[in-house]
Amino acid sequence: MSTAFVVVTVLAAVMVGFSAVSVFLRAKWVVEPMADYGVPFSWLPWLGAAKAAGAAGLLVGLLVPAIGVAAGIGLALYFTGAVVTVIRARWYAHIPFPLLYMAPVVGALVLGFAA
């Protein structure tokens, strides 16, 4: 297990965990754009739970690699769906935001497979 893999994985987990907490707390800067994209408020707890589970899975994956891979793939799919949602809403300037969260997740997956 390389140092880079551990650092990127922990960074990804912290970023995704922060995003989950932001959804749970219904931070204005998170909730308003989601409403603009057409995401129902009733989905917020589920979306936050998915992010929280993914963040936890990344950390557990440091000890049990299969769980980390599953969490990484799930989060990559989650953020791909977020990009699609932003594109469908035609808020093209917001595309970088889900990509910002997806980048360290994909980096952790790549580094994990390279190790």
Protein backbone atom coordinates (compact mmCIF):
# COMPACT_ATOMS: atom_id res chain seq x y z
CA MET A 1 0.00 0.00 0.00
CA SER A 2 1.63 3.25 -1.12
CA THR A 3 1.62 6.51 0.76
CA ALA A 4 0.04 8.26 -2.23
CA PHE A 5 -2.83 5.76 -2.23
CA VAL A 6 -3.50 6.28 1.48
CA VAL A 7 -3.34 10.08 1.22
CA VAL A 8 -5.60 10.27 -1.84
CA THR A 9 -8.07 7.80 -0.35
CA VAL A 10 -8.30 9.70 2.94
CA LEU A 11 -8.64 13.00 1.02
CA ALA A 12 -11.43 11.52 -1.09
CA ALA A 13 -13.22 10.19 2.01
CA VAL A 14 -12.95 13.56 3.77
CA MET A 15 -14.23 15.47 0.74
CA VAL A 16 -17.15 13.10 0.17
CA GLY A 17 -17.91 13.03 3.90
CA PHE A 18 -17.97 16.83 3.95
CA SER A 19 -20.36 16.76 1.01
CA ALA A 20 -22.60 14.27 2.85
CA VAL A 21 -22.69 16.43 5.97
CA SER A 22 -23.52 19.46 3.81
CA VAL A 23 -26.51 17.60 2.38
CA PHE A 24 -27.66 16.39 5.82
CA LEU A 25 -27.44 19.93 7.20
CA ARG A 26 -29.17 21.24 4.08
CA ALA A 27 -26.53 23.86 3.49
CA LYS A 28 -27.97 26.62 1.33
CA TRP A 29 -25.09 26.42 -1.15
CA VAL A 30 -25.91 22.73 -1.71
CA VAL A 31 -29.70 22.66 -1.51
CA GLU A 32 -30.47 25.62 -3.76
CA PRO A 33 -28.56 24.32 -6.79
CA MET A 34 -30.06 20.86 -6.31
CA ALA A 35 -33.52 22.41 -6.41
CA ASP A 36 -32.51 24.28 -9.57
CA TYR A 37 -31.44 20.97 -11.12
CA GLY A 38 -34.84 19.47 -10.32
CA VAL A 39 -33.71 17.14 -7.55
CA PRO A 40 -36.64 16.59 -5.15
CA PHE A 41 -35.97 17.52 -1.51
CA SER A 42 -37.25 14.08 -0.49
CA TRP A 43 -34.12 12.60 -2.13
CA LEU A 44 -31.67 14.58 0.01
CA PRO A 45 -31.47 12.11 2.93
CA TRP A 46 -30.84 9.25 0.49
CA LEU A 47 -28.20 11.17 -1.44
CA GLY A 48 -26.48 12.17 1.81
CA ALA A 49 -26.60 8.58 3.04
CA ALA A 50 -25.07 7.32 -0.21
CA LYS A 51 -22.22 9.81 0.11
CA ALA A 52 -21.68 8.99 3.78
CA ALA A 53 -21.64 5.26 3.07
CA GLY A 54 -19.20 5.80 0.22
CA ALA A 55 -16.87 7.88 2.39
CA ALA A 56 -16.94 5.23 5.11
CA GLY A 57 -16.39 2.52 2.52
CA LEU A 58 -13.29 4.26 1.20
CA LEU A 59 -11.81 4.33 4.70
CA VAL A 60 -12.74 0.72 5.41
CA GLY A 61 -11.19 -0.11 2.05
CA LEU A 62 -7.79 0.74 3.45
CA LEU A 63 -8.13 -2.46 5.51
CA VAL A 64 -10.48 -4.48 3.27
CA PRO A 65 -9.63 -3.60 -0.34
CA ALA A 66 -12.78 -5.12 -1.88
CA ILE A 67 -14.97 -2.73 0.13
CA GLY A 68 -12.85 0.22 -0.96
CA VAL A 69 -13.16 -0.77 -4.61
CA ALA A 70 -16.93 -1.17 -4.28
CA ALA A 71 -17.21 2.20 -2.52
CA GLY A 72 -15.01 3.88 -5.12
CA ILE A 73 -16.99 2.48 -8.02
CA GLY A 74 -20.26 3.43 -6.33
CA LEU A 75 -19.07 6.99 -5.70
CA ALA A 76 -17.74 7.32 -9.25
CA LEU A 77 -21.17 6.28 -10.52
CA TYR A 78 -22.86 8.65 -8.06
CA PHE A 79 -20.85 11.64 -9.25
CA THR A 80 -21.31 10.61 -12.89
CA GLY A 81 -25.04 10.77 -12.21
CA ALA A 82 -24.54 14.19 -10.64
CA VAL A 83 -22.80 15.41 -13.81
CA VAL A 84 -25.64 14.04 -15.93
CA THR A 85 -28.17 15.78 -13.67
CA VAL A 86 -26.34 19.10 -14.02
CA ILE A 87 -26.14 18.71 -17.81
CA ARG A 88 -29.83 17.81 -18.07
CA ALA A 89 -30.67 20.95 -16.07
CA ARG A 90 -28.47 22.95 -18.51
CA TRP A 91 -26.34 24.45 -15.74
CA TYR A 92 -23.14 23.84 -17.67
CA ALA A 93 -21.08 26.18 -15.48
CA HIS A 94 -21.76 23.82 -12.54
CA ILE A 95 -20.27 20.72 -14.19
CA PRO A 96 -16.89 21.15 -12.43
CA PHE A 97 -18.42 20.82 -8.94
CA PRO A 98 -19.29 17.10 -9.03
CA LEU A 99 -16.09 16.47 -10.99
CA LEU A 100 -14.12 18.08 -8.17
CA TYR A 101 -15.46 15.45 -5.78
CA MET A 102 -15.13 12.61 -8.28
CA ALA A 103 -11.45 13.29 -9.07
CA PRO A 104 -9.92 12.05 -5.79
CA VAL A 105 -12.28 9.06 -5.76
CA VAL A 106 -11.12 8.01 -9.22
CA GLY A 107 -7.55 8.77 -8.20
CA ALA A 108 -7.88 6.46 -5.21
CA LEU A 109 -9.26 3.71 -7.45
CA VAL A 110 -6.42 4.10 -9.95
CA LEU A 111 -3.76 4.17 -7.24
CA GLY A 112 -5.37 1.17 -5.55
CA PHE A 113 -5.27 -0.88 -8.75
CA ALA A 114 -1.70 0.25 -9.46
CA ALA A 115 -0.47 -0.89 -6.04
